[in-house]
Amino acid sequence: MTDSKQIIPLESNPTIFTELAYKLGLSPILQFHDVYSLTDPDLLSFLPQPIFGIILLFPLTTNYETYRQNEDSQHPKYENENNNKILWLKQTIGNGCGLYALLHILINLSSDLNLSNSQINDLINNLKGQNLSVEEISLIIEKLEKNLKTDENFGSKGQTEAPPADSSINLHFISFIRGKNNHLYELDGRRNGPIDLGEISDLGKNNLINESKLVEKIQFYIDNADEENKHNFAIMALGPTLD
């Protein structure tokens, strides 16, 4: 990937992601929450539900990069042929994976969960209303990021000191969300296109946190991390606000 711009990476912080989501046009009835377990009933009971989307932060290890390259080599170049089922964005902004993960959630939500006359609604209309190429859509996202001024407004808001924009970061955000065809999708701007993980079960239809395919895929990433990176994971979920 040739990045046209490098930005300060976002911290895995629900407050930051929620603030950015509201600026883009997410309905205030939703916010992001930390997820401490996908399987422990006691920990899950503290999570406001239903869950509409998941953002995963995970380490870019040698094992993962080999896996990614092998998987992508088996698929032809994606040309937005599944736009009627899921919207996907190619990442062209260095260290911008947090922004892309957030956008992947927002552009695929039900229309009543984003505000009308908002930036995200305008983006969705652009993506659906025109026969744009992957490259043309990338330019739209680059312009959106420029208008958002993510470095200035969000890059330095975390609890830890923000690294420089030109840093080489070995952590990466991706998203999981339900498509219009009731399939679970893994959305990663570094991949060749959206990854269809199959039809969502009855348990997961109204609450994504109950979907076994989601748990299995995240566990796959955890199991394949080396010992040094076993704990370099974080999960955020989009669910009802606490207020």
Protein backbone atom coordinates (compact mmCIF):
# COMPACT_ATOMS: atom_id res chain seq x y z
CA MET A 1 0.00 0.00 0.00
CA THR A 2 1.30 3.44 -0.93
CA ASP A 3 0.02 5.92 1.60
CA SER A 4 -0.82 9.40 0.39
CA LYS A 5 -0.68 10.74 3.94
CA GLN A 6 0.35 9.65 7.43
CA ILE A 7 -1.71 10.59 10.49
CA ILE A 8 -1.41 10.09 14.24
CA PRO A 9 -2.96 6.68 15.03
CA LEU A 10 -6.09 6.74 17.16
CA GLU A 11 -5.97 5.22 20.62
CA SER A 12 -8.28 2.27 21.30
CA ASN A 13 -10.51 4.42 23.48
CA PRO A 14 -14.33 4.30 23.35
CA THR A 15 -14.60 7.97 24.30
CA ILE A 16 -12.46 9.07 21.34
CA PHE A 17 -14.25 6.78 18.88
CA THR A 18 -17.65 7.92 20.14
CA GLU A 19 -16.73 11.60 19.89
CA LEU A 20 -15.48 11.13 16.32
CA ALA A 21 -18.56 9.07 15.43
CA TYR A 22 -20.86 11.83 16.72
CA LYS A 23 -18.96 14.41 14.69
CA LEU A 24 -19.57 12.27 11.61
CA GLY A 25 -23.27 11.84 12.39
CA LEU A 26 -23.86 8.77 14.56
CA SER A 27 -27.15 8.95 16.47
CA PRO A 28 -26.62 9.87 20.15
CA ILE A 29 -28.60 6.80 21.20
CA LEU A 30 -25.42 4.76 20.53
CA GLN A 31 -21.85 4.90 21.79
CA PHE A 32 -18.74 2.71 21.89
CA HIS A 33 -17.89 0.52 24.87
CA ASP A 34 -14.85 -1.53 25.90
CA VAL A 35 -15.39 -5.29 25.66
CA TYR A 36 -13.48 -7.35 28.23
CA SER A 37 -14.68 -10.78 27.13
CA LEU A 38 -16.70 -12.29 24.31
CA THR A 39 -17.53 -15.45 26.26
CA ASP A 40 -17.69 -14.68 30.00
CA PRO A 41 -21.39 -14.22 30.90
CA ASP A 42 -20.60 -12.07 33.93
CA LEU A 43 -18.45 -9.63 31.97
CA LEU A 44 -20.88 -9.59 29.05
CA SER A 45 -23.72 -8.71 31.42
CA PHE A 46 -22.12 -5.29 32.03
CA LEU A 47 -22.08 -4.50 28.30
CA PRO A 48 -25.07 -2.42 27.07
CA GLN A 49 -26.84 -4.42 24.38
CA PRO A 50 -27.78 -5.04 21.59
CA ILE A 51 -24.43 -4.66 19.85
CA PHE A 52 -24.45 -3.35 16.28
CA GLY A 53 -20.74 -3.51 15.38
CA ILE A 54 -17.35 -4.55 16.73
CA ILE A 55 -13.92 -2.92 16.32
CA LEU A 56 -10.88 -5.10 16.99
CA LEU A 57 -7.34 -3.87 17.62
CA PHE A 58 -4.74 -6.58 17.08
CA PRO A 59 -0.97 -6.94 16.48
CA LEU A 60 0.50 -7.14 12.97
CA THR A 61 2.80 -10.10 13.55
CA THR A 62 4.84 -12.05 11.00
CA ASN A 63 2.33 -14.90 11.29
CA TYR A 64 -0.56 -12.58 10.54
CA GLU A 65 1.12 -10.89 7.59
CA THR A 66 1.84 -14.30 6.03
CA TYR A 67 -1.77 -15.33 6.59
CA ARG A 68 -3.11 -12.08 5.09
CA GLN A 69 -0.96 -12.28 1.97
CA ASN A 70 -1.85 -15.93 1.39
CA GLU A 71 -5.57 -15.26 1.79
CA ASP A 72 -5.61 -12.18 -0.43
CA SER A 73 -3.64 -13.92 -3.18
CA GLN A 74 -6.58 -16.29 -3.65
CA HIS A 75 -9.05 -13.54 -4.50
CA PRO A 76 -9.31 -11.30 -7.58
CA LYS A 77 -9.14 -7.54 -7.33
CA TYR A 78 -12.27 -6.19 -5.71
CA GLU A 79 -14.31 -3.72 -7.77
CA ASN A 80 -17.15 -2.86 -5.38
CA GLU A 81 -19.30 -5.60 -6.86
CA ASN A 82 -20.91 -6.29 -3.46
CA ASN A 83 -21.89 -2.69 -2.67
CA ASN A 84 -25.54 -3.73 -2.41
CA LYS A 85 -24.59 -6.06 0.49
CA ILE A 86 -21.72 -4.28 2.24
CA LEU A 87 -19.71 -1.07 1.81
CA TRP A 88 -15.91 -1.39 2.01
CA LEU A 89 -13.11 1.20 1.93
CA LYS A 90 -9.51 0.68 0.84
CA GLN A 91 -7.07 2.23 3.32
CA THR A 92 -4.77 4.76 1.68
CA ILE A 93 -3.98 6.88 4.76
CA GLY A 94 -1.02 5.67 6.78
CA ASN A 95 -1.86 4.89 10.43
CA GLY A 96 -5.49 5.67 9.55
CA CYS A 97 -6.86 2.22 10.36
CA GLY A 98 -8.83 3.52 13.34
CA LEU A 99 -10.68 6.01 11.15
CA TYR A 100 -11.36 3.35 8.51
CA ALA A 101 -12.60 0.90 11.14
CA LEU A 102 -15.01 3.52 12.45
CA LEU A 103 -16.19 4.47 8.96
CA HIS A 104 -16.74 0.79 8.12
CA ILE A 105 -19.14 0.57 11.05
CA LEU A 106 -20.99 3.82 10.38
CA ILE A 107 -21.50 3.40 6.63
CA ASN A 108 -23.01 -0.06 7.14
CA LEU A 109 -25.39 0.75 9.98
CA SER A 110 -29.13 0.85 9.51
CA SER A 111 -30.09 4.30 8.19
CA ASP A 112 -32.07 5.17 11.33
CA LEU A 113 -28.89 4.94 13.45
CA ASN A 114 -27.14 7.81 11.64
CA LEU A 115 -28.40 11.38 11.57
CA SER A 116 -29.79 12.79 8.33
CA ASN A 117 -27.91 15.75 6.82
CA SER A 118 -24.68 14.48 8.40
CA GLN A 119 -21.22 13.84 6.95
CA ILE A 120 -21.67 10.08 7.20
CA ASN A 121 -25.06 10.21 5.49
CA ASP A 122 -23.60 12.26 2.65
CA LEU A 123 -20.76 9.74 2.35
CA ILE A 124 -23.20 6.82 2.17
CA ASN A 125 -25.20 8.56 -0.55
CA ASN A 126 -22.00 9.14 -2.54
CA LEU A 127 -20.95 5.50 -2.19
CA LYS A 128 -24.34 4.12 -3.17
CA GLY A 129 -25.46 6.73 -5.69
CA GLN A 130 -22.52 6.61 -8.08
CA ASN A 131 -20.62 3.90 -9.89
CA LEU A 132 -17.32 4.85 -8.27
CA SER A 133 -14.12 2.83 -8.40
CA VAL A 134 -12.23 1.73 -5.29
CA GLU A 135 -9.61 4.39 -6.10
CA GLU A 136 -12.21 7.16 -6.50
CA ILE A 137 -13.76 6.28 -3.16
CA SER A 138 -10.31 6.38 -1.55
CA LEU A 139 -9.93 10.00 -2.65
CA ILE A 140 -13.29 10.86 -1.06
CA ILE A 141 -12.11 9.38 2.27
CA GLU A 142 -8.83 11.28 2.06
CA LYS A 143 -10.78 14.52 1.59
CA LEU A 144 -13.07 13.62 4.50
CA GLU A 145 -10.07 13.01 6.77
CA LYS A 146 -8.61 16.36 5.78
CA ASN A 147 -11.86 18.09 6.73
CA LEU A 148 -12.04 16.19 10.03
CA LYS A 149 -8.46 17.21 10.94
CA THR A 150 -8.06 13.95 12.84
CA ASP A 151 -4.52 14.73 14.00
CA GLU A 152 -5.52 18.06 15.47
CA ASN A 153 -8.89 17.04 16.89
CA PHE A 154 -8.52 13.37 17.85
CA GLY A 155 -4.96 12.06 17.46
CA SER A 156 -3.64 13.43 20.75
CA LYS A 157 -6.71 12.88 22.95
CA GLY A 158 -5.75 9.48 24.33
CA GLN A 159 -4.62 8.52 27.82
CA THR A 160 -1.13 7.68 26.52
CA GLU A 161 1.30 9.93 24.67
CA ALA A 162 0.50 9.90 20.96
CA PRO A 163 3.29 8.70 18.63
CA PRO A 164 4.37 10.86 15.67
CA ALA A 165 2.26 10.58 12.52
CA ASP A 166 5.16 8.98 10.62
CA SER A 167 5.65 6.20 13.19
CA SER A 168 5.60 2.57 12.09
CA ILE A 169 2.80 1.02 14.16
CA ASN A 170 2.42 -2.75 14.52
CA LEU A 171 -1.18 -2.59 15.77
CA HIS A 172 -4.18 -2.49 13.46
CA PHE A 173 -7.94 -1.81 13.71
CA ILE A 174 -10.57 -3.80 11.78
CA SER A 175 -14.36 -4.03 12.01
CA PHE A 176 -17.08 -6.67 12.08
CA ILE A 177 -20.66 -5.87 11.11
CA ARG A 178 -23.75 -7.39 9.56
CA GLY A 179 -24.30 -6.85 5.86
CA LYS A 180 -27.58 -6.22 4.07
CA ASN A 181 -27.67 -9.93 3.16
CA ASN A 182 -27.57 -10.94 6.86
CA HIS A 183 -23.96 -12.15 6.56
CA LEU A 184 -21.19 -11.27 8.99
CA TYR A 185 -18.42 -9.26 7.34
CA GLU A 186 -14.87 -8.56 8.38
CA LEU A 187 -13.87 -5.15 7.06
CA ASP A 188 -10.20 -4.24 6.81
CA GLY A 189 -8.85 -1.54 4.51
CA ARG A 190 -5.54 -3.41 4.12
CA ARG A 191 -7.25 -6.46 2.62
CA ASN A 192 -8.34 -6.87 -1.00
CA GLY A 193 -12.00 -6.30 -0.19
CA PRO A 194 -14.73 -7.20 2.32
CA ILE A 195 -14.47 -10.68 3.85
CA ASP A 196 -17.74 -12.62 3.99
CA LEU A 197 -17.72 -14.83 7.10
CA GLY A 198 -21.07 -16.43 6.31
CA GLU A 199 -24.69 -16.10 7.34
CA ILE A 200 -25.36 -14.78 10.82
CA SER A 201 -27.14 -17.19 13.18
CA ASP A 202 -30.52 -16.52 14.75
CA LEU A 203 -28.76 -15.62 18.01
CA GLY A 204 -26.63 -12.99 16.29
CA LYS A 205 -29.29 -11.35 14.12
CA ASN A 206 -30.45 -8.88 16.73
CA ASN A 207 -27.28 -8.75 18.82
CA LEU A 208 -23.91 -9.20 17.12
CA ILE A 209 -22.15 -10.08 20.38
CA ASN A 210 -24.03 -13.41 20.36
CA GLU A 211 -22.68 -14.43 16.94
CA SER A 212 -20.41 -17.50 17.19
CA LYS A 213 -18.65 -16.68 13.89
CA LEU A 214 -17.51 -13.36 15.39
CA VAL A 215 -16.10 -15.04 18.49
CA GLU A 216 -14.38 -17.72 16.42
CA LYS A 217 -12.66 -15.23 14.09
CA ILE A 218 -11.38 -13.01 16.88
CA GLN A 219 -10.19 -16.08 18.79
CA PHE A 220 -8.38 -17.21 15.64
CA TYR A 221 -6.36 -13.99 15.64
CA ILE A 222 -5.58 -14.33 19.34
CA ASP A 223 -4.53 -17.98 19.00
CA ASN A 224 -2.18 -17.17 16.12
CA ALA A 225 -0.36 -14.32 17.86
CA ASP A 226 3.11 -15.06 19.20
CA GLU A 227 3.73 -15.03 22.95
CA GLU A 228 5.04 -11.47 22.87
CA ASN A 229 1.74 -10.22 21.43
CA LYS A 230 -0.82 -12.49 23.12
CA HIS A 231 -2.19 -9.61 25.15
CA ASN A 232 -1.93 -6.84 22.53
CA PHE A 233 -5.62 -6.99 21.69
CA ALA A 234 -8.51 -4.66 22.44
CA ILE A 235 -12.19 -4.82 21.50
CA MET A 236 -14.79 -2.06 21.33
CA ALA A 237 -18.50 -2.55 20.68
CA LEU A 238 -21.13 -0.14 19.40
CA GLY A 239 -24.22 -0.35 21.58
CA PRO A 240 -26.78 1.74 23.46
CA THR A 241 -25.65 4.79 25.40
CA LEU A 242 -25.38 4.57 29.16
CA ASP A 243 -27.35 7.79 29.75
